[in-house]
Amino acid sequence: MDLEVNRDAFIEYIQFEKRFSNHTLVAYTNDLTQFILYLTNTYDINTITDVNHTVIRSWVVFLMEQKIVPRSVNRKITTLKTFYKFLLRQSVVTENPMLKIQSPKTSKRLPVFVEKEGMDTLLDNIDFGNDFEGQRNKLIIEIFYSTGMRLTELVNLKQSNVDIYNSQLKVLGKRNKERIIPFNDVLKEQIKTYLQAKSTLNGEFLFVTSAGIKMYDKLVYRIVNTYLSQITTVDKKSPHVLRHTFATHMLNNGADLNSIKELLGHASLSATQVYTHNTVEKLKNIHKQAHPKA
């Protein structure tokens, strides 16, 4: 089927040329598969050139009628926008119907983060154990909180990317973009201790299982979730929450927004500005509690 051929070519393109994360690959594949299924079942369309903006708009309406939240619908629209840019570049289509598609409005959702007291408790008082897995698990939490790196970046972090002497990590981020993240002396000593424990295990990657196999996303997520569950009641307890926590705590302690942008590897400052909302909310609460007229 023409639609499936184009979908597969697109997924191959973003996987091998654009080097999108596995998470994004799965999401884009699912979105396009759902779209193709809708086209065949509703309109009996099998060819991409038969798809116009009216058909795409009807799919968006269909998703909304299925009670899919606007944020998820917008993600699917983003998938189609990226897909059609690829099709235009490949001369598969001559017009972009996505130019006439509007995204549903969404309410602003503030990044979820862990309070400083919770992170202090986790890193200073929780017993991770002194065996290899305990040292590895604590270092995973520490690196997420100290650098703000993404889950995919941590899993793919190679031992050769760790510069102990200069106290910095070389991270390969989105769109294959490299960045350097510094780390403090406490983290330096923890990395040294972990590398000694890891010395009997093979593997080029920094984080491995006790069998020396490269860590995978779900295992890291499970580790983070397990330990965050001991110190916080926030709904989400994921590596991304630690990324939000890093950025929020940096901003609250005086770091400028541009520096945080570079450390996080954001393409634009607008992506980083969401963290200022948490700071403003904190100031509002302080004002309510402290001002006599509040």
Protein backbone atom coordinates (compact mmCIF):
# COMPACT_ATOMS: atom_id res chain seq x y z
CA MET A 1 0.00 0.00 0.00
CA ASP A 2 1.31 3.44 -0.99
CA LEU A 3 0.55 4.96 2.42
CA GLU A 4 2.44 2.28 4.32
CA VAL A 5 5.43 2.50 1.97
CA ASN A 6 5.67 6.25 2.57
CA ARG A 7 5.26 5.78 6.30
CA ASP A 8 8.07 3.19 6.42
CA ALA A 9 10.38 5.40 4.33
CA PHE A 10 9.70 8.31 6.68
CA ILE A 11 10.37 6.28 9.83
CA GLU A 12 13.62 5.00 8.33
CA TYR A 13 14.60 8.60 7.52
CA ILE A 14 14.03 9.95 11.05
CA GLN A 15 15.71 6.90 12.57
CA PHE A 16 18.91 6.74 10.57
CA GLU A 17 19.37 10.24 9.16
CA LYS A 18 17.73 12.46 11.78
CA ARG A 19 18.54 10.04 14.63
CA PHE A 20 15.32 10.64 16.57
CA SER A 21 14.99 8.85 19.92
CA ASN A 22 13.37 5.41 20.18
CA HIS A 23 10.51 6.98 22.12
CA THR A 24 9.82 9.41 19.26
CA LEU A 25 10.10 6.65 16.66
CA VAL A 26 7.47 4.57 18.45
CA ALA A 27 5.16 7.57 18.87
CA TYR A 28 5.46 8.67 15.21
CA THR A 29 4.95 5.11 13.96
CA ASN A 30 1.82 4.68 16.08
CA ASP A 31 0.43 8.07 15.02
CA LEU A 32 0.89 7.39 11.31
CA THR A 33 -0.46 3.85 11.60
CA GLN A 34 -3.61 5.22 13.27
CA PHE A 35 -3.91 7.87 10.56
CA ILE A 36 -3.58 5.30 7.77
CA LEU A 37 -6.16 3.06 9.43
CA TYR A 38 -8.58 5.99 9.59
CA LEU A 39 -8.02 6.84 5.91
CA THR A 40 -8.64 3.29 4.73
CA ASN A 41 -11.65 2.62 6.97
CA THR A 42 -13.39 5.97 6.57
CA TYR A 43 -12.52 7.10 3.04
CA ASP A 44 -11.04 3.97 1.41
CA ILE A 45 -7.93 6.04 0.64
CA ASN A 46 -4.74 4.09 -0.10
CA THR A 47 -2.64 6.75 -1.82
CA ILE A 48 -1.06 9.75 -0.09
CA THR A 49 -1.85 12.10 -3.00
CA ASP A 50 -5.57 11.52 -2.39
CA VAL A 51 -5.32 13.03 1.09
CA ASN A 52 -6.28 16.69 1.41
CA HIS A 53 -6.71 19.13 4.31
CA THR A 54 -10.43 18.33 4.61
CA VAL A 55 -9.69 14.65 5.19
CA ILE A 56 -6.97 15.47 7.75
CA ARG A 57 -9.27 17.92 9.53
CA SER A 58 -11.94 15.21 9.78
CA TRP A 59 -9.35 12.94 11.47
CA VAL A 60 -8.60 15.66 14.02
CA VAL A 61 -12.34 16.01 14.72
CA PHE A 62 -12.60 12.23 15.03
CA LEU A 63 -9.80 12.20 17.61
CA MET A 64 -11.47 14.94 19.64
CA GLU A 65 -14.77 13.04 19.54
CA GLN A 66 -12.93 10.00 20.92
CA LYS A 67 -12.05 12.16 23.97
CA ILE A 68 -8.35 12.22 23.10
CA VAL A 69 -6.85 15.11 25.11
CA PRO A 70 -5.78 18.18 23.07
CA ARG A 71 -2.14 17.69 24.04
CA SER A 72 -2.12 14.20 22.48
CA VAL A 73 -4.00 15.42 19.40
CA ASN A 74 -1.40 18.17 18.94
CA ARG A 75 1.35 15.57 19.17
CA LYS A 76 -0.30 13.63 16.33
CA ILE A 77 -0.64 16.83 14.28
CA THR A 78 3.09 17.46 14.82
CA THR A 79 3.77 13.96 13.51
CA LEU A 80 1.81 14.71 10.33
CA LYS A 81 3.57 18.06 9.89
CA THR A 82 6.97 16.36 10.06
CA PHE A 83 5.73 13.60 7.75
CA TYR A 84 4.52 16.05 5.10
CA LYS A 85 7.77 18.03 5.20
CA PHE A 86 9.52 14.76 4.38
CA LEU A 87 7.06 13.98 1.55
CA LEU A 88 7.57 17.45 0.05
CA ARG A 89 11.34 17.04 0.21
CA GLN A 90 11.03 13.68 -1.53
CA SER A 91 8.66 15.17 -4.16
CA VAL A 92 6.00 12.62 -3.22
CA VAL A 93 3.49 15.47 -2.87
CA THR A 94 3.50 18.97 -4.33
CA GLU A 95 1.34 20.70 -1.70
CA ASN A 96 1.31 20.64 2.08
CA PRO A 97 -2.25 20.22 3.44
CA MET A 98 -0.98 20.69 7.01
CA LEU A 99 -0.69 24.44 6.36
CA LYS A 100 -4.48 24.62 6.69
CA ILE A 101 -4.68 22.56 9.90
CA GLN A 102 -5.03 24.36 13.24
CA SER A 103 -4.03 22.71 16.49
CA PRO A 104 -6.55 22.53 19.38
CA LYS A 105 -5.84 24.92 22.23
CA THR A 106 -4.29 23.37 25.33
CA SER A 107 -4.05 24.63 28.88
CA LYS A 108 -0.54 25.44 30.06
CA ARG A 109 0.83 22.65 32.21
CA LEU A 110 3.63 23.55 34.59
CA PRO A 111 6.61 21.18 34.74
CA VAL A 112 6.38 18.75 37.67
CA PHE A 113 9.45 18.84 39.93
CA VAL A 114 10.64 17.58 43.30
CA GLU A 115 11.24 20.08 46.10
CA LYS A 116 14.84 20.58 47.23
CA GLU A 117 14.13 19.01 50.63
CA GLY A 118 12.97 15.84 48.90
CA MET A 119 16.10 15.61 46.76
CA ASP A 120 18.28 16.22 49.83
CA THR A 121 16.53 13.38 51.63
CA LEU A 122 16.91 11.06 48.67
CA LEU A 123 20.60 11.69 48.08
CA ASP A 124 21.72 12.08 51.70
CA ASN A 125 19.51 9.74 53.72
CA ILE A 126 18.19 6.94 51.49
CA ASP A 127 20.28 3.76 51.50
CA PHE A 128 21.09 2.66 47.96
CA GLY A 129 23.44 -0.11 49.11
CA ASN A 130 27.20 -0.45 48.53
CA ASP A 131 27.10 -3.16 45.88
CA PHE A 132 27.51 -2.43 42.16
CA GLU A 133 23.78 -1.93 41.48
CA GLY A 134 23.37 0.35 44.49
CA GLN A 135 26.27 2.58 43.40
CA ARG A 136 25.01 2.59 39.82
CA ASN A 137 21.44 3.47 40.80
CA LYS A 138 22.52 6.36 43.01
CA LEU A 139 24.82 7.69 40.30
CA ILE A 140 21.95 7.57 37.80
CA ILE A 141 19.81 9.73 40.11
CA GLU A 142 22.73 12.08 40.80
CA ILE A 143 23.56 12.57 37.12
CA PHE A 144 19.95 13.27 36.17
CA TYR A 145 19.65 15.81 38.99
CA SER A 146 23.11 17.36 38.49
CA THR A 147 23.01 17.69 34.69
CA GLY A 148 19.36 17.71 33.60
CA MET A 149 20.11 15.32 30.75
CA ARG A 150 17.40 13.32 29.00
CA LEU A 151 16.76 9.60 29.53
CA THR A 152 17.99 8.69 26.03
CA GLU A 153 21.13 10.80 26.55
CA LEU A 154 21.96 9.00 29.80
CA VAL A 155 21.38 5.51 28.37
CA ASN A 156 23.65 6.28 25.39
CA LEU A 157 26.35 7.98 27.47
CA LYS A 158 29.67 6.27 26.74
CA GLN A 159 32.45 5.90 29.27
CA SER A 160 34.75 7.77 26.86
CA ASN A 161 32.36 10.75 27.07
CA VAL A 162 33.21 11.21 30.76
CA ASP A 163 36.12 13.62 31.27
CA ILE A 164 37.06 13.14 34.93
CA TYR A 165 40.03 15.50 34.75
CA ASN A 166 38.00 18.47 33.46
CA SER A 167 34.81 17.47 35.34
CA GLN A 168 32.58 17.43 32.27
CA LEU A 169 30.38 15.12 30.20
CA LYS A 170 29.96 15.11 26.43
CA VAL A 171 26.31 14.42 25.63
CA LEU A 172 24.78 13.55 22.26
CA GLY A 173 21.36 15.21 22.29
CA LYS A 174 18.45 15.61 19.91
CA ARG A 175 19.22 16.00 16.19
CA ASN A 176 22.67 14.53 16.87
CA LYS A 177 23.77 17.76 18.56
CA GLU A 178 26.65 17.50 21.02
CA ARG A 179 26.93 19.59 24.17
CA ILE A 180 29.27 19.73 27.15
CA ILE A 181 27.84 19.60 30.69
CA PRO A 182 30.07 20.34 33.70
CA PHE A 183 29.71 18.49 36.99
CA ASN A 184 30.80 19.17 40.58
CA ASP A 185 33.43 17.51 42.78
CA VAL A 186 30.87 15.41 44.67
CA LEU A 187 29.68 13.84 41.42
CA LYS A 188 33.29 13.41 40.29
CA GLU A 189 34.08 11.25 43.32
CA GLN A 190 30.90 9.21 42.84
CA ILE A 191 31.79 8.57 39.20
CA LYS A 192 35.30 7.44 40.22
CA THR A 193 33.87 5.05 42.82
CA TYR A 194 31.35 3.67 40.34
CA LEU A 195 33.99 3.15 37.62
CA GLN A 196 36.08 1.12 40.07
CA ALA A 197 33.08 -1.10 40.78
CA LYS A 198 32.41 -1.37 37.03
CA SER A 199 36.01 -2.17 36.09
CA THR A 200 35.37 -5.94 35.96
CA LEU A 201 32.47 -5.48 33.52
CA ASN A 202 32.90 -5.01 29.80
CA GLY A 203 31.08 -2.43 27.71
CA GLU A 204 31.72 0.99 26.22
CA PHE A 205 28.64 2.54 27.83
CA LEU A 206 28.83 4.20 31.23
CA PHE A 207 25.73 2.54 32.65
CA VAL A 208 25.37 -1.22 32.35
CA THR A 209 23.52 -4.05 34.06
CA SER A 210 25.29 -6.34 36.53
CA ALA A 211 25.89 -8.62 33.52
CA GLY A 212 27.72 -5.84 31.66
CA ILE A 213 24.88 -5.21 29.18
CA LYS A 214 23.96 -1.66 28.16
CA MET A 215 21.14 -0.20 30.28
CA TYR A 216 17.77 0.20 28.59
CA ASP A 217 15.12 2.92 28.97
CA LYS A 218 12.55 0.92 30.94
CA LEU A 219 15.09 -0.25 33.53
CA VAL A 220 16.35 3.31 34.16
CA TYR A 221 12.76 4.54 34.38
CA ARG A 222 11.96 1.81 36.92
CA ILE A 223 15.00 2.70 39.04
CA VAL A 224 14.11 6.40 39.11
CA ASN A 225 10.44 5.67 39.84
CA THR A 226 11.34 3.35 42.73
CA TYR A 227 13.50 5.91 44.52
CA LEU A 228 11.36 8.97 43.83
CA SER A 229 8.38 7.08 45.26
CA GLN A 230 10.17 7.09 48.62
CA ILE A 231 10.44 10.87 48.89
CA THR A 232 7.68 12.56 46.88
CA THR A 233 3.96 12.35 46.18
CA VAL A 234 4.09 13.99 42.73
CA ASP A 235 2.04 12.07 40.17
CA LYS A 236 4.91 11.49 37.77
CA LYS A 237 8.12 9.94 39.05
CA SER A 238 10.24 9.73 35.92
CA PRO A 239 13.69 10.76 34.67
CA HIS A 240 12.03 13.75 33.00
CA VAL A 241 10.80 14.93 36.40
CA LEU A 242 14.45 15.00 37.52
CA ARG A 243 15.26 17.07 34.41
CA HIS A 244 12.51 19.52 35.40
CA THR A 245 13.81 19.48 38.98
CA PHE A 246 17.35 20.33 37.82
CA ALA A 247 16.13 23.29 35.74
CA THR A 248 13.74 24.62 38.39
CA HIS A 249 16.30 24.43 41.20
CA MET A 250 18.95 26.09 39.01
CA LEU A 251 16.58 28.94 38.20
CA ASN A 252 15.50 29.33 41.83
CA ASN A 253 19.14 29.62 42.84
CA GLY A 254 19.98 32.41 40.43
CA ALA A 255 21.06 30.72 37.18
CA ASP A 256 20.17 32.75 34.09
CA LEU A 257 17.76 31.31 31.56
CA ASN A 258 20.27 31.19 28.70
CA SER A 259 22.69 29.07 30.72
CA ILE A 260 19.91 26.63 31.64
CA LYS A 261 18.91 26.49 27.94
CA GLU A 262 22.45 25.45 26.97
CA LEU A 263 22.71 22.87 29.73
CA LEU A 264 19.37 21.31 28.80
CA GLY A 265 20.17 21.32 25.09
CA HIS A 266 17.03 23.24 24.12
CA ALA A 267 16.93 24.53 20.55
CA SER A 268 15.21 27.77 21.55
CA LEU A 269 14.77 29.87 24.67
CA SER A 270 10.97 29.52 24.49
CA ALA A 271 11.27 25.86 25.53
CA THR A 272 13.23 26.87 28.63
CA GLN A 273 10.94 29.75 29.64
CA VAL A 274 8.32 27.32 30.95
CA TYR A 275 10.45 26.97 34.10
CA THR A 276 10.01 30.63 34.95
CA HIS A 277 6.32 29.88 35.63
CA ASN A 278 7.26 27.66 38.56
CA THR A 279 9.42 30.43 39.98
CA VAL A 280 6.61 32.97 39.58
CA GLU A 281 4.16 30.59 41.29
CA LYS A 282 6.62 30.18 44.16
CA LEU A 283 6.90 33.98 44.52
CA LYS A 284 3.11 34.29 44.52
CA ASN A 285 2.84 31.76 47.36
CA ILE A 286 5.54 33.55 49.36
CA HIS A 287 3.73 36.85 48.80
CA LYS A 288 0.41 35.38 50.00
CA GLN A 289 2.03 33.98 53.13
CA ALA A 290 4.19 36.99 54.00
CA HIS A 291 2.41 40.15 52.89
CA PRO A 292 -0.06 41.58 55.47
CA LYS A 293 -2.50 42.67 52.74
CA ALA A 294 -2.25 39.46 50.69
